[in-house]
């Protein structure tokens, strides 16, 4: 009887507290998903090493039978080469990759998600009229091969950048996904104190190019000042650009009622700010000197 009484009380009060309970559950789930993605990043390097060694061991076992003991030196050399291969380049260097926590900066949701089989439309877009959709959201409205954001926000590494974790999630209908800066404004990204080979800031600039000035702040009190121009989110960058690459490339854009407004050629750009690898970085202060609409999507570092 007591349990039945509890159930009756819960049914009576749930309409009043249900939304808040669901919000807390979604936020908790989002945090768990981000922790899981960080854990996946850390495991990739080890898995790649194991696979490479196993394949090489199989080849050398065959060669050992064919050529005899003289092949043992080639086995040892091959194992060493596998280790060097796995730990070079961005595609397999995830053990040195740091996904910078920027949650306290986020203030906008420019991505429409599919949450509990319902569209949760973007609030502040990538510009004032348009935003992105996740792949599931785009398929939900009937698009066959949508040029949309992948459902997994952990964007795989390329030869230009490491794996980058964006902040949207189909399971999260409430949390902010980016930081929006209207016109001239500035922000500071606090990074784990360390020496960085590279540091990528992921951005979109709407209504034209954004002229940025940024300060790299080091633990010894020194400040390195730099300037860069971020291309409009509809513009491509040269393949050999030393500063910019793509987090995602050639996407469509949609209104906040999920109506497609353009089918392609929109991007999220990754800016490598090239910190001084000999000094310990503590923060990056960024100022937009243009009257544009700038979004900060993520920040990802690569330790030396």
Foldseek 3Di string as FASTA:
>chain_A
DVVVVVVVVCVVCCVVCVVVVLQVVLVVVLVVLVVVVLVVLLCQLVVQLVVQLVVLVVVLVVVCVVPNPVCVVVNVVSNVVSNVVQCDAQQRVSNQKDWADPQVQFDFFQEWAQAPNDTQFGDCHLDNFKHFYEPVVLVSVPDDDAQGHHQQQQQPDDRQHHTYGFRDHNHRNDGGTWHKDAWKDKDKGFGDWAQFQWKKWKKAWAPFKWKKWKWFAFPVGDIDIDIDIHGHQLDDDDPPDPFKDFSGAWHWIAGRVRHTDGRTRGTIMIGIPRDDRVTITTMMMMITNGRIMMITTTMMTGHD
